[in-house]
Amino acid sequence: MVRRDGASAVVEVAGEIDVHTVGELRTILTALADEGRVHIVADFTGVRFCDAAGLGALVGVNNRVAGDGGSLRLTGVRPAQRRILQITRLDHLFQRYDSVDDALAR
Protein backbone atom coordinates (compact mmCIF):
# COMPACT_ATOMS: atom_id res chain seq x y z
CA MET A 1 0.00 0.00 0.00
CA VAL A 2 1.22 3.49 -0.86
CA ARG A 3 0.03 6.67 0.82
CA ARG A 4 0.97 10.05 -0.69
CA ASP A 5 1.05 13.36 1.16
CA GLY A 6 2.61 16.40 -0.50
CA ALA A 7 6.33 15.80 -0.99
CA SER A 8 6.16 12.65 1.17
CA ALA A 9 4.98 9.11 0.62
CA VAL A 10 4.63 6.04 2.82
CA VAL A 11 5.09 2.54 1.40
CA GLU A 12 4.02 -0.48 3.44
CA VAL A 13 6.45 -3.24 2.50
CA ALA A 14 5.63 -6.86 3.33
CA GLY A 15 7.04 -10.34 2.82
CA GLU A 16 10.54 -11.06 1.63
CA ILE A 17 12.72 -8.68 -0.32
CA ASP A 18 15.14 -10.69 -2.40
CA VAL A 19 16.41 -11.07 -5.94
CA HIS A 20 12.98 -12.36 -7.02
CA THR A 21 10.88 -9.55 -5.52
CA VAL A 22 13.17 -6.54 -5.44
CA GLY A 23 12.10 -5.33 -8.89
CA GLU A 24 8.60 -4.53 -7.69
CA LEU A 25 9.90 -2.61 -4.67
CA ARG A 26 12.41 -0.68 -6.80
CA THR A 27 9.69 0.17 -9.34
CA ILE A 28 7.33 1.52 -6.66
CA LEU A 29 9.98 3.58 -4.86
CA THR A 30 11.45 4.95 -8.09
CA ALA A 31 7.99 5.93 -9.35
CA LEU A 32 7.42 7.90 -6.14
CA ALA A 33 10.73 9.70 -6.63
CA ASP A 34 9.75 10.40 -10.26
CA GLU A 35 6.50 11.97 -8.95
CA GLY A 36 8.57 14.39 -6.88
CA ARG A 37 8.17 12.63 -3.51
CA VAL A 38 11.50 13.46 -1.89
CA HIS A 39 10.72 12.07 1.55
CA ILE A 40 9.81 8.41 1.29
CA VAL A 41 9.00 6.30 4.33
CA ALA A 42 9.36 2.55 3.88
CA ASP A 43 7.42 0.77 6.62
CA PHE A 44 9.20 -2.57 7.15
CA THR A 45 6.83 -3.85 9.83
CA GLY A 46 5.68 -6.64 7.52
CA VAL A 47 9.12 -7.53 6.10
CA ARG A 48 10.38 -10.95 7.17
CA PHE A 49 13.63 -10.93 5.18
CA CYS A 50 15.73 -8.51 3.13
CA ASP A 51 18.83 -9.60 1.24
CA ALA A 52 21.61 -7.70 -0.53
CA ALA A 53 19.43 -7.07 -3.58
CA GLY A 54 16.88 -5.35 -1.36
CA LEU A 55 19.55 -3.29 0.35
CA GLY A 56 20.93 -2.29 -3.04
CA ALA A 57 17.51 -1.07 -4.17
CA LEU A 58 17.09 0.97 -0.98
CA VAL A 59 20.52 2.54 -1.43
CA GLY A 60 19.73 3.44 -5.04
CA VAL A 61 16.44 5.10 -4.14
CA ASN A 62 18.02 6.90 -1.19
CA ASN A 63 20.75 8.28 -3.45
CA ARG A 64 18.11 9.40 -5.94
CA VAL A 65 15.98 11.34 -3.45
CA ALA A 66 19.00 12.66 -1.55
CA GLY A 67 20.06 14.37 -4.77
CA ASP A 68 16.83 16.38 -4.50
CA GLY A 69 17.33 17.14 -0.81
CA GLY A 70 15.18 14.25 0.38
CA SER A 71 15.58 11.01 2.25
CA LEU A 72 14.46 7.41 2.46
CA ARG A 73 13.28 6.76 6.00
CA LEU A 74 12.77 3.29 7.46
CA THR A 75 10.29 2.28 10.14
CA GLY A 76 9.38 -1.06 11.68
CA VAL A 77 12.84 -2.52 11.08
CA ARG A 78 13.15 -5.84 12.92
CA PRO A 79 16.21 -6.60 15.08
CA ALA A 80 17.75 -9.01 12.56
CA GLN A 81 17.39 -6.42 9.80
CA ARG A 82 18.85 -3.72 12.06
CA ARG A 83 21.86 -5.97 12.59
CA ILE A 84 22.34 -6.34 8.82
CA LEU A 85 22.17 -2.55 8.46
CA GLN A 86 24.82 -2.21 11.19
CA ILE A 87 27.10 -4.86 9.68
CA THR A 88 26.93 -3.21 6.26
CA ARG A 89 27.20 0.25 7.86
CA LEU A 90 24.00 1.26 6.07
CA ASP A 91 22.61 2.29 9.45
CA HIS A 92 24.57 5.51 8.86
CA LEU A 93 22.83 6.07 5.53
CA PHE A 94 19.20 5.35 6.39
CA GLN A 95 17.23 7.30 8.93
CA ARG A 96 15.28 4.84 11.12
CA TYR A 97 12.21 5.76 13.15
CA ASP A 98 9.98 3.97 15.62
CA SER A 99 6.78 4.79 13.75
CA VAL A 100 5.51 6.13 10.46
CA ASP A 101 4.09 9.20 12.21
CA ASP A 102 7.48 9.93 13.76
CA ALA A 103 9.19 9.56 10.37
CA LEU A 104 6.73 11.93 8.72
CA ALA A 105 7.03 14.49 11.51
CA ARG A 106 10.78 14.89 10.98
PDB file of N, CA and C in Angstrom:
ATOM      1  N   MET A   1       0.840  -1.186   0.000  1.00  0.00           N
ATOM      2  CA  MET A   1       0.000   0.000   0.000  1.00  0.00           C
ATOM      3  C   MET A   1       0.880   1.242   0.000  1.00  0.00           C
ATOM      4  N   VAL A   2       0.485   2.234  -0.772  1.00  0.00           N
ATOM      5  CA  VAL A   2       1.218   3.494  -0.863  1.00  0.00           C
ATOM      6  C   VAL A   2       0.292   4.625  -0.461  1.00  0.00           C
ATOM      7  N   ARG A   3       0.793   5.499   0.395  1.00  0.00           N
ATOM      8  CA  ARG A   3       0.033   6.675   0.825  1.00  0.00           C
ATOM      9  C   ARG A   3       0.865   7.912   0.466  1.00  0.00           C
ATOM     10  N   ARG A   4       0.271   8.834  -0.251  1.00  0.00           N
ATOM     11  CA  ARG A   4       0.968  10.049  -0.688  1.00  0.00           C
ATOM     12  C   ARG A   4       0.464  11.245   0.102  1.00  0.00           C
ATOM     13  N   ASP A   5       1.397  12.163   0.424  1.00  0.00           N
ATOM     14  CA  ASP A   5       1.048  13.364   1.165  1.00  0.00           C
ATOM     15  C   ASP A   5       2.058  14.450   0.822  1.00  0.00           C
ATOM     16  N   GLY A   6       1.702  15.327  -0.103  1.00  0.00           N
ATOM     17  CA  GLY A   6       2.615  16.398  -0.500  1.00  0.00           C
ATOM     18  C   GLY A   6       3.902  15.842  -1.077  1.00  0.00           C
ATOM     19  N   ALA A   7       5.028  16.257  -0.519  1.00  0.00           N
ATOM     20  CA  ALA A   7       6.333  15.798  -0.989  1.00  0.00           C
ATOM     21  C   ALA A   7       6.730  14.470  -0.368  1.00  0.00           C
ATOM     22  N   SER A   8       5.870  13.905   0.472  1.00  0.00           N
ATOM     23  CA  SER A   8       6.163  12.655   1.172  1.00  0.00           C
ATOM     24  C   SER A   8       5.284  11.518   0.673  1.00  0.00           C
ATOM     25  N   ALA A   9       5.762  10.305   0.920  1.00  0.00           N
ATOM     26  CA  ALA A   9       4.979   9.113   0.624  1.00  0.00           C
ATOM     27  C   ALA A   9       5.368   8.026   1.613  1.00  0.00           C
ATOM     28  N   VAL A  10       4.402   7.178   1.935  1.00  0.00           N
ATOM     29  CA  VAL A  10       4.629   6.043   2.820  1.00  0.00           C
ATOM     30  C   VAL A  10       4.329   4.775   2.026  1.00  0.00           C
ATOM     31  N   VAL A  11       5.255   3.821   2.077  1.00  0.00           N
ATOM     32  CA  VAL A  11       5.087   2.540   1.402  1.00  0.00           C
ATOM     33  C   VAL A  11       5.123   1.447   2.457  1.00  0.00           C
ATOM     34  N   GLU A  12       4.047   0.673   2.537  1.00  0.00           N
ATOM     35  CA  GLU A  12       4.021  -0.479   3.441  1.00  0.00           C
ATOM     36  C   GLU A  12       4.602  -1.657   2.683  1.00  0.00           C
ATOM     37  N   VAL A  13       5.741  -2.136   3.153  1.00  0.00           N
ATOM     38  CA  VAL A  13       6.450  -3.238   2.505  1.00  0.00           C
ATOM     39  C   VAL A  13       6.169  -4.507   3.307  1.00  0.00           C
ATOM     40  N   ALA A  14       5.931  -5.614   2.621  1.00  0.00           N
ATOM     41  CA  ALA A  14       5.629  -6.864   3.325  1.00  0.00           C
ATOM     42  C   ALA A  14       6.276  -8.048   2.622  1.00  0.00           C
ATOM     43  N   GLY A  15       6.496  -9.107   3.377  1.00  0.00           N
ATOM     44  CA  GLY A  15       7.037 -10.345   2.820  1.00  0.00           C
ATOM     45  C   GLY A  15       8.549 -10.352   2.815  1.00  0.00           C
ATOM     46  N   GLU A  16       9.096 -10.947   1.776  1.00  0.00           N
ATOM     47  CA  GLU A  16      10.543 -11.061   1.633  1.00  0.00           C
ATOM     48  C   GLU A  16      11.014 -10.186   0.487  1.00  0.00           C
ATOM     49  N   ILE A  17      12.103  -9.491   0.730  1.00  0.00           N
ATOM     50  CA  ILE A  17      12.718  -8.683  -0.321  1.00  0.00           C
ATOM     51  C   ILE A  17      13.998  -9.408  -0.719  1.00  0.00           C
ATOM     52  N   ASP A  18      13.975  -9.954  -1.918  1.00  0.00           N
ATOM     53  CA  ASP A  18      15.137 -10.690  -2.397  1.00  0.00           C
ATOM     54  C   ASP A  18      15.256 -10.493  -3.908  1.00  0.00           C
ATOM     55  N   VAL A  19      16.155 -11.224  -4.514  1.00  0.00           N
ATOM     56  CA  VAL A  19      16.411 -11.069  -5.940  1.00  0.00           C
ATOM     57  C   VAL A  19      15.150 -11.294  -6.777  1.00  0.00           C
ATOM     58  N   HIS A  20      14.207 -12.066  -6.270  1.00  0.00           N
ATOM     59  CA  HIS A  20      12.981 -12.361  -7.025  1.00  0.00           C
ATOM     60  C   HIS A  20      11.904 -11.289  -6.869  1.00  0.00           C
ATOM     61  N   THR A  21      11.948 -10.521  -5.789  1.00  0.00           N
ATOM     62  CA  THR A  21      10.882  -9.550  -5.517  1.00  0.00           C
ATOM     63  C   THR A  21      11.351  -8.100  -5.525  1.00  0.00           C
ATOM     64  N   VAL A  22      12.647  -7.891  -5.580  1.00  0.00           N
ATOM     65  CA  VAL A  22      13.174  -6.537  -5.444  1.00  0.00           C
ATOM     66  C   VAL A  22      12.745  -5.617  -6.582  1.00  0.00           C
ATOM     67  N   GLY A  23      12.502  -6.161  -7.746  1.00  0.00           N
ATOM     68  CA  GLY A  23      12.105  -5.334  -8.890  1.00  0.00           C
ATOM     69  C   GLY A  23      10.835  -4.551  -8.616  1.00  0.00           C
ATOM     70  N   GLU A  24       9.868  -5.202  -8.003  1.00  0.00           N
ATOM     71  CA  GLU A  24       8.603  -4.529  -7.694  1.00  0.00           C
ATOM     72  C   GLU A  24       8.822  -3.395  -6.698  1.00  0.00           C
ATOM     73  N   LEU A  25       9.618  -3.649  -5.658  1.00  0.00           N
ATOM     74  CA  LEU A  25       9.901  -2.605  -4.673  1.00  0.00           C
ATOM     75  C   LEU A  25      10.633  -1.435  -5.317  1.00  0.00           C
ATOM     76  N   ARG A  26      11.638  -1.730  -6.117  1.00  0.00           N
ATOM     77  CA  ARG A  26      12.405  -0.680  -6.795  1.00  0.00           C
ATOM     78  C   ARG A  26      11.500   0.143  -7.702  1.00  0.00           C
ATOM     79  N   THR A  27      10.604  -0.519  -8.436  1.00  0.00           N
ATOM     80  CA  THR A  27       9.687   0.174  -9.341  1.00  0.00           C
ATOM     81  C   THR A  27       8.788   1.141  -8.577  1.00  0.00           C
ATOM     82  N   ILE A  28       8.228   0.685  -7.461  1.00  0.00           N
ATOM     83  CA  ILE A  28       7.327   1.525  -6.664  1.00  0.00           C
ATOM     84  C   ILE A  28       8.071   2.723  -6.091  1.00  0.00           C
ATOM     85  N   LEU A  29       9.230   2.478  -5.490  1.00  0.00           N
ATOM     86  CA  LEU A  29       9.982   3.576  -4.864  1.00  0.00           C
ATOM     87  C   LEU A  29      10.501   4.569  -5.901  1.00  0.00           C
ATOM     88  N   THR A  30      10.966   4.065  -7.028  1.00  0.00           N
ATOM     89  CA  THR A  30      11.449   4.951  -8.094  1.00  0.00           C
ATOM     90  C   THR A  30      10.315   5.785  -8.672  1.00  0.00           C
ATOM     91  N   ALA A  31       9.142   5.188  -8.836  1.00  0.00           N
ATOM     92  CA  ALA A  31       7.987   5.932  -9.346  1.00  0.00           C
ATOM     93  C   ALA A  31       7.619   7.069  -8.397  1.00  0.00           C
ATOM     94  N   LEU A  32       7.710   6.829  -7.106  1.00  0.00           N
ATOM     95  CA  LEU A  32       7.423   7.895  -6.137  1.00  0.00           C
ATOM     96  C   LEU A  32       8.435   9.022  -6.267  1.00  0.00           C
ATOM     97  N   ALA A  33       9.704   8.669  -6.433  1.00  0.00           N
ATOM     98  CA  ALA A  33      10.731   9.700  -6.630  1.00  0.00           C
ATOM     99  C   ALA A  33      10.469  10.464  -7.926  1.00  0.00           C
ATOM    100  N   ASP A  34      10.061   9.755  -8.980  1.00  0.00           N
ATOM    101  CA  ASP A  34       9.747  10.401 -10.265  1.00  0.00           C
ATOM    102  C   ASP A  34       8.579  11.376 -10.131  1.00  0.00           C
ATOM    103  N   GLU A  35       7.650  11.083  -9.203  1.00  0.00           N
ATOM    104  CA  GLU A  35       6.503  11.968  -8.955  1.00  0.00           C
ATOM    105  C   GLU A  35       6.904  13.211  -8.170  1.00  0.00           C
ATOM    106  N   GLY A  36       8.131  13.252  -7.673  1.00  0.00           N
ATOM    107  CA  GLY A  36       8.570  14.387  -6.875  1.00  0.00           C
ATOM    108  C   GLY A  36       8.468  14.167  -5.375  1.00  0.00           C
ATOM    109  N   ARG A  37       8.204  12.944  -4.956  1.00  0.00           N
ATOM    110  CA  ARG A  37       8.167  12.626  -3.513  1.00  0.00           C
ATOM    111  C   ARG A  37       9.613  12.491  -3.057  1.00  0.00           C
ATOM    112  N   VAL A  38      10.098  13.477  -2.314  1.00  0.00           N
ATOM    113  CA  VAL A  38      11.505  13.457  -1.894  1.00  0.00           C
ATOM    114  C   VAL A  38      11.703  12.847  -0.522  1.00  0.00           C
ATOM    115  N   HIS A  39      10.640  12.728   0.250  1.00  0.00           N
ATOM    116  CA  HIS A  39      10.719  12.070   1.554  1.00  0.00           C
ATOM    117  C   HIS A  39       9.851  10.825   1.487  1.00  0.00           C
ATOM    118  N   ILE A  40      10.510   9.684   1.411  1.00  0.00           N
ATOM    119  CA  ILE A  40       9.810   8.414   1.289  1.00  0.00           C
ATOM    120  C   ILE A  40      10.034   7.611   2.562  1.00  0.00           C
ATOM    121  N   VAL A  41       8.941   7.149   3.136  1.00  0.00           N
ATOM    122  CA  VAL A  41       8.999   6.301   4.329  1.00  0.00           C
ATOM    123  C   VAL A  41       8.666   4.881   3.897  1.00  0.00           C
ATOM    124  N   ALA A  42       9.598   3.962   4.156  1.00  0.00           N
ATOM    125  CA  ALA A  42       9.361   2.550   3.883  1.00  0.00           C
ATOM    126  C   ALA A  42       9.082   1.867   5.215  1.00  0.00           C
ATOM    127  N   ASP A  43       7.833   1.440   5.385  1.00  0.00           N
ATOM    128  CA  ASP A  43       7.423   0.774   6.624  1.00  0.00           C
ATOM    129  C   ASP A  43       7.719  -0.721   6.483  1.00  0.00           C
ATOM    130  N   PHE A  44       8.734  -1.185   7.231  1.00  0.00           N
ATOM    131  CA  PHE A  44       9.196  -2.568   7.149  1.00  0.00           C
ATOM    132  C   PHE A  44       8.539  -3.485   8.174  1.00  0.00           C
ATOM    133  N   THR A  45       7.483  -3.042   8.804  1.00  0.00           N
ATOM    134  CA  THR A  45       6.834  -3.850   9.833  1.00  0.00           C
ATOM    135  C   THR A  45       6.493  -5.248   9.321  1.00  0.00           C
ATOM    136  N   GLY A  46       6.075  -5.357   8.081  1.00  0.00           N
ATOM    137  CA  GLY A  46       5.679  -6.639   7.518  1.00  0.00           C
ATOM    138  C   GLY A  46       6.773  -7.373   6.766  1.00  0.00           C
ATOM    139  N   VAL A  47       8.014  -6.888   6.833  1.00  0.00           N
ATOM    140  CA  VAL A  47       9.118  -7.526   6.104  1.00  0.00           C
ATOM    141  C   VAL A  47       9.757  -8.609   6.971  1.00  0.00           C
ATOM    142  N   ARG A  48       9.769  -9.833   6.448  1.00  0.00           N
ATOM    143  CA  ARG A  48      10.375 -10.950   7.172  1.00  0.00           C
ATOM    144  C   ARG A  48      11.843 -11.127   6.841  1.00  0.00           C
ATOM    145  N   PHE A  49      12.265 -10.684   5.643  1.00  0.00           N
ATOM    146  CA  PHE A  49      13.630 -10.927   5.178  1.00  0.00           C
ATOM    147  C   PHE A  49      13.986  -9.891   4.127  1.00  0.00           C
ATOM    148  N   CYS A  50      15.240  -9.436   4.156  1.00  0.00           N
ATOM    149  CA  CYS A  50      15.727  -8.506   3.133  1.00  0.00           C
ATOM    150  C   CYS A  50      17.179  -8.866   2.843  1.00  0.00           C
ATOM    151  N   ASP A  51      17.469  -9.217   1.585  1.00  0.00           N
ATOM    152  CA  ASP A  51      18.833  -9.601   1.235  1.00  0.00           C
ATOM    153  C   ASP A  51      19.585  -8.438   0.585  1.00  0.00           C
ATOM    154  N   ALA A  52      20.760  -8.730   0.061  1.00  0.00           N
ATOM    155  CA  ALA A  52      21.615  -7.701  -0.526  1.00  0.00           C
ATOM    156  C   ALA A  52      20.953  -6.987  -1.704  1.00  0.00           C
ATOM    157  N   ALA A  53      20.145  -7.707  -2.468  1.00  0.00           N
ATOM    158  CA  ALA A  53      19.432  -7.073  -3.584  1.00  0.00           C
ATOM    159  C   ALA A  53      18.475  -6.012  -3.064  1.00  0.00           C
ATOM    160  N   GLY A  54      17.781  -6.318  -1.977  1.00  0.00           N
ATOM    161  CA  GLY A  54      16.879  -5.348  -1.360  1.00  0.00           C
ATOM    162  C   GLY A  54      17.625  -4.147  -0.831  1.00  0.00           C
ATOM    163  N   LEU A  55      18.746  -4.397  -0.165  1.00  0.00           N
ATOM    164  CA  LEU A  55      19.554  -3.291   0.349  1.00  0.00           C
ATOM    165  C   LEU A  55      20.056  -2.416  -0.789  1.00  0.00           C
ATOM    166  N   GLY A  56      20.458  -3.047  -1.885  1.00  0.00           N
ATOM    167  CA  GLY A  56      20.929  -2.288  -3.044  1.00  0.00           C
ATOM    168  C   GLY A  56      19.847  -1.380  -3.611  1.00  0.00           C
ATOM    169  N   ALA A  57      18.624  -1.882  -3.676  1.00  0.00           N
ATOM    170  CA  ALA A  57      17.506  -1.068  -4.173  1.00  0.00           C
ATOM    171  C   ALA A  57      17.258   0.117  -3.250  1.00  0.00           C
ATOM    172  N   LEU A  58      17.305  -0.123  -1.946  1.00  0.00           N
ATOM    173  CA  LEU A  58      17.093   0.968  -0.982  1.00  0.00           C
ATOM    174  C   LEU A  58      18.184   2.024  -1.106  1.00  0.00           C
ATOM    175  N   VAL A  59      19.420   1.588  -1.270  1.00  0.00           N
ATOM    176  CA  VAL A  59      20.522   2.540  -1.431  1.00  0.00           C
ATOM    177  C   VAL A  59      20.316   3.375  -2.699  1.00  0.00           C
ATOM    178  N   GLY A  60      19.938   2.720  -3.792  1.00  0.00           N
ATOM    179  CA  GLY A  60      19.728   3.440  -5.044  1.00  0.00           C
ATOM    180  C   GLY A  60      18.637   4.494  -4.932  1.00  0.00           C
ATOM    181  N   VAL A  61      17.538   4.148  -4.304  1.00  0.00           N
ATOM    182  CA  VAL A  61      16.435   5.104  -4.140  1.00  0.00           C
ATOM    183  C   VAL A  61      16.850   6.218  -3.192  1.00  0.00           C
ATOM    184  N   ASN A  62      17.550   5.868  -2.116  1.00  0.00           N
ATOM    185  CA  ASN A  62      18.022   6.898  -1.189  1.00  0.00           C
ATOM    186  C   ASN A  62      18.921   7.894  -1.911  1.00  0.00           C
ATOM    187  N   ASN A  63      19.844   7.393  -2.710  1.00  0.00           N
ATOM    188  CA  ASN A  63      20.745   8.283  -3.449  1.00  0.00           C
ATOM    189  C   ASN A  63      19.962   9.177  -4.396  1.00  0.00           C
ATOM    190  N   ARG A  64      18.945   8.626  -5.000  1.00  0.00           N
ATOM    191  CA  ARG A  64      18.114   9.395  -5.939  1.00  0.00           C
ATOM    192  C   ARG A  64      17.402  10.555  -5.239  1.00  0.00           C
ATOM    193  N   VAL A  65      16.726  10.276  -4.130  1.00  0.00           N
ATOM    194  CA  VAL A  65      15.979  11.340  -3.452  1.00  0.00           C
ATOM    195  C   VAL A  65      16.905  12.284  -2.693  1.00  0.00           C
ATOM    196  N   ALA A  66      18.052  11.786  -2.245  1.00  0.00           N
ATOM    197  CA  ALA A  66      19.003  12.660  -1.549  1.00  0.00           C
ATOM    198  C   ALA A  66      19.530  13.729  -2.495  1.00  0.00           C
ATOM    199  N   GLY A  67      19.628  13.396  -3.774  1.00  0.00           N
ATOM    200  CA  GLY A  67      20.056  14.372  -4.768  1.00  0.00           C
ATOM    201  C   GLY A  67      19.093  15.535  -4.889  1.00  0.00           C
ATOM    202  N   ASP A  68      17.851  15.328  -4.481  1.00  0.00           N
ATOM    203  CA  ASP A  68      16.826  16.376  -4.504  1.00  0.00           C
ATOM    204  C   ASP A  68      16.570  16.938  -3.106  1.00  0.00           C
ATOM    205  N   GLY A  69      17.478  16.634  -2.167  1.00  0.00           N
ATOM    206  CA  GLY A  69      17.329  17.145  -0.808  1.00  0.00           C
ATOM    207  C   GLY A  69      16.419  16.308   0.070  1.00  0.00           C
ATOM    208  N   GLY A  70      16.094  15.098  -0.372  1.00  0.00           N
ATOM    209  CA  GLY A  70      15.177  14.247   0.378  1.00  0.00           C
ATOM    210  C   GLY A  70      15.861  13.120   1.106  1.00  0.00           C
ATOM    211  N   SER A  71      15.051  12.148   1.510  1.00  0.00           N
ATOM    212  CA  SER A  71      15.584  11.006   2.248  1.00  0.00           C
ATOM    213  C   SER A  71      14.646   9.815   2.127  1.00  0.00           C
ATOM    214  N   LEU A  72      15.226   8.642   2.316  1.00  0.00           N
ATOM    215  CA  LEU A  72      14.461   7.411   2.460  1.00  0.00           C
ATOM    216  C   LEU A  72      14.519   7.068   3.935  1.00  0.00           C
ATOM    217  N   ARG A  73      13.363   7.005   4.566  1.00  0.00           N
ATOM    218  CA  ARG A  73      13.284   6.760   5.998  1.00  0.00           C
ATOM    219  C   ARG A  73      12.677   5.393   6.236  1.00  0.00           C
ATOM    220  N   LEU A  74      13.241   4.649   7.177  1.00  0.00           N
ATOM    221  CA  LEU A  74      12.773   3.293   7.463  1.00  0.00           C
ATOM    222  C   LEU A  74      12.087   3.242   8.812  1.00  0.00           C
ATOM    223  N   THR A  75      10.980   2.520   8.873  1.00  0.00           N
ATOM    224  CA  THR A  75      10.286   2.276  10.139  1.00  0.00           C
ATOM    225  C   THR A  75       9.993   0.783  10.249  1.00  0.00           C
ATOM    226  N   GLY A  76       9.762   0.330  11.463  1.00  0.00           N
ATOM    227  CA  GLY A  76       9.385  -1.060  11.681  1.00  0.00           C
ATOM    228  C   GLY A  76      10.470  -2.059  11.352  1.00  0.00           C
ATOM    229  N   VAL A  77      11.730  -1.635  11.412  1.00  0.00           N
ATOM    230  CA  VAL A  77      12.837  -2.524  11.076  1.00  0.00           C
ATOM    231  C   VAL A  77      13.061  -3.511  12.223  1.00  0.00           C
ATOM    232  N   ARG A  78      12.991  -4.784  11.915  1.00  0.00           N
ATOM    233  CA  ARG A  78      13.151  -5.837  12.924  1.00  0.00           C
ATOM    234  C   ARG A  78      14.609  -5.928  13.380  1.00  0.00           C
ATOM    235  N   PRO A  79      14.845  -6.498  14.554  1.00  0.00           N
ATOM    236  CA  PRO A  79      16.210  -6.598  15.084  1.00  0.00           C
ATOM    237  C   PRO A  79      17.211  -7.264  14.135  1.00  0.00           C
ATOM    238  N   ALA A  80      16.823  -8.338  13.481  1.00  0.00           N
ATOM    239  CA  ALA A  80      17.746  -9.015  12.560  1.00  0.00           C
ATOM    240  C   ALA A  80      18.111  -8.112  11.386  1.00  0.00           C
ATOM    241  N   GLN A  81      17.129  -7.341  10.911  1.00  0.00           N
ATOM    242  CA  GLN A  81      17.391  -6.423   9.802  1.00  0.00           C
ATOM    243  C   GLN A  81      18.248  -5.248  10.268  1.00  0.00           C
ATOM    244  N   ARG A  82      18.012  -4.792  11.504  1.00  0.00           N
ATOM    245  CA  ARG A  82      18.851  -3.716  12.059  1.00  0.00           C
ATOM    246  C   ARG A  82      20.302  -4.168  12.124  1.00  0.00           C
ATOM    247  N   ARG A  83      20.499  -5.422  12.496  1.00  0.00           N
ATOM    248  CA  ARG A  83      21.857  -5.970  12.593  1.00  0.00           C
ATOM    249  C   ARG A  83      22.523  -5.971  11.215  1.00  0.00           C
ATOM    250  N   ILE A  84      21.789  -6.358  10.185  1.00  0.00           N
ATOM    251  CA  ILE A  84      22.338  -6.335   8.822  1.00  0.00           C
ATOM    252  C   ILE A  84      22.708  -4.910   8.431  1.00  0.00           C
ATOM    253  N   LEU A  85      21.863  -3.953   8.762  1.00  0.00           N
ATOM    254  CA  LEU A  85      22.170  -2.549   8.462  1.00  0.00           C
ATOM    255  C   LEU A  85      23.429  -2.107   9.193  1.00  0.00           C
ATOM    256  N   GLN A  86      23.615  -2.563  10.426  1.00  0.00           N
ATOM    257  CA  GLN A  86      24.817  -2.214  11.187  1.00  0.00           C
ATOM    258  C   GLN A  86      26.064  -2.859  10.583  1.00  0.00           C
ATOM    259  N   ILE A  87      25.960  -4.140  10.248  1.00  0.00           N
ATOM    260  CA  ILE A  87      27.104  -4.856   9.680  1.00  0.00           C
ATOM    261  C   ILE A  87      27.560  -4.208   8.378  1.00  0.00           C
ATOM    262  N   THR A  88      26.616  -3.812   7.560  1.00  0.00           N
ATOM    263  CA  THR A  88      26.931  -3.207   6.263  1.00  0.00           C
ATOM    264  C   THR A  88      27.187  -1.705   6.372  1.00  0.00           C
ATOM    265  N   ARG A  89      27.028  -1.175   7.570  1.00  0.00           N
ATOM    266  CA  ARG A  89      27.202   0.252   7.856  1.00  0.00           C
ATOM    267  C   ARG A  89      26.146   1.123   7.166  1.00  0.00           C
ATOM    268  N   LEU A  90      25.089   0.502   6.681  1.00  0.00           N
ATOM    269  CA  LEU A  90      24.002   1.256   6.075  1.00  0.00           C
ATOM    270  C   LEU A  90      23.140   1.940   7.123  1.00  0.00           C
ATOM    271  N   ASP A  91      23.346   1.596   8.386  1.00  0.00           N
ATOM    272  CA  ASP A  91      22.610   2.287   9.448  1.00  0.00           C
ATOM    273  C   ASP A  91      23.004   3.756   9.515  1.00  0.00           C
ATOM    274  N   HIS A  92      24.154   4.105   8.916  1.00  0.00           N
ATOM    275  CA  HIS A  92      24.573   5.508   8.856  1.00  0.00           C
ATOM    276  C   HIS A  92      23.924   6.237   7.679  1.00  0.00           C
ATOM    277  N   LEU A  93      23.454   5.481   6.721  1.00  0.00           N
ATOM    278  CA  LEU A  93      22.834   6.073   5.529  1.00  0.00           C
ATOM    279  C   LEU A  93      21.342   6.300   5.711  1.00  0.00           C
ATOM    280  N   PHE A  94      20.657   5.287   6.259  1.00  0.00           N
ATOM    281  CA  PHE A  94      19.205   5.349   6.386  1.00  0.00           C
ATOM    282  C   PHE A  94      18.786   5.907   7.742  1.00  0.00           C
ATOM    283  N   GLN A  95      17.823   6.797   7.702  1.00  0.00           N
ATOM    284  CA  GLN A  95      17.230   7.301   8.931  1.00  0.00           C
ATOM    285  C   GLN A  95      16.161   6.301   9.353  1.00  0.00           C
ATOM    286  N   ARG A  96      16.258   5.797  10.603  1.00  0.00           N
ATOM    287  CA  ARG A  96      15.277   4.843  11.124  1.00  0.00           C
ATOM    288  C   ARG A  96      14.437   5.503  12.199  1.00  0.00           C
ATOM    289  N   TYR A  97      13.148   5.189  12.190  1.00  0.00           N
ATOM    290  CA  TYR A  97      12.209   5.761  13.147  1.00  0.00           C
ATOM    291  C   TYR A  97      11.360   4.658  13.755  1.00  0.00           C
ATOM    292  N   ASP A  98      10.808   4.946  14.923  1.00  0.00           N
ATOM    293  CA  ASP A  98       9.981   3.973  15.623  1.00  0.00           C
ATOM    294  C   ASP A  98       8.606   3.809  14.994  1.00  0.00           C
ATOM    295  N   SER A  99       8.113   4.859  14.333  1.00  0.00           N
ATOM    296  CA  SER A  99       6.778   4.792  13.750  1.00  0.00           C
ATOM    297  C   SER A  99       6.718   5.627  12.480  1.00  0.00           C
ATOM    298  N   VAL A 100       5.711   5.352  11.673  1.00  0.00           N
ATOM    299  CA  VAL A 100       5.506   6.133  10.455  1.00  0.00           C
ATOM    300  C   VAL A 100       5.230   7.588  10.799  1.00  0.00           C
ATOM    301  N   ASP A 101       4.405   7.813  11.806  1.00  0.00           N
ATOM    302  CA  ASP A 101       4.087   9.198  12.207  1.00  0.00           C
ATOM    303  C   ASP A 101       5.344   9.954  12.603  1.00  0.00           C
ATOM    304  N   ASP A 102       6.230   9.296  13.341  1.00  0.00           N
ATOM    305  CA  ASP A 102       7.477   9.927  13.757  1.00  0.00           C
ATOM    306  C   ASP A 102       8.342  10.253  12.533  1.00  0.00           C
ATOM    307  N   ALA A 103       8.400   9.329  11.587  1.00  0.00           N
ATOM    308  CA  ALA A 103       9.193   9.561  10.369  1.00  0.00           C
ATOM    309  C   ALA A 103       8.641  10.720   9.553  1.00  0.00           C
ATOM    310  N   LEU A 104       7.333  10.838   9.492  1.00  0.00           N
ATOM    311  CA  LEU A 104       6.729  11.928   8.722  1.00  0.00           C
ATOM    312  C   LEU A 104       6.888  13.273   9.424  1.00  0.00           C
ATOM    313  N   ALA A 105       6.936  13.255  10.742  1.00  0.00           N
ATOM    314  CA  ALA A 105       7.034  14.491  11.512  1.00  0.00           C
ATOM    315  C   ALA A 105       8.409  15.138  11.389  1.00  0.00           C
ATOM    316  N   ARG A 106       9.396  14.370  11.023  1.00  0.00           N
ATOM    317  CA  ARG A 106      10.776  14.889  10.976  1.00  0.00           C
ATOM    318  C   ARG A 106      11.002  15.597   9.692  1.00  0.00           C
TER     319      ARG A 106
END
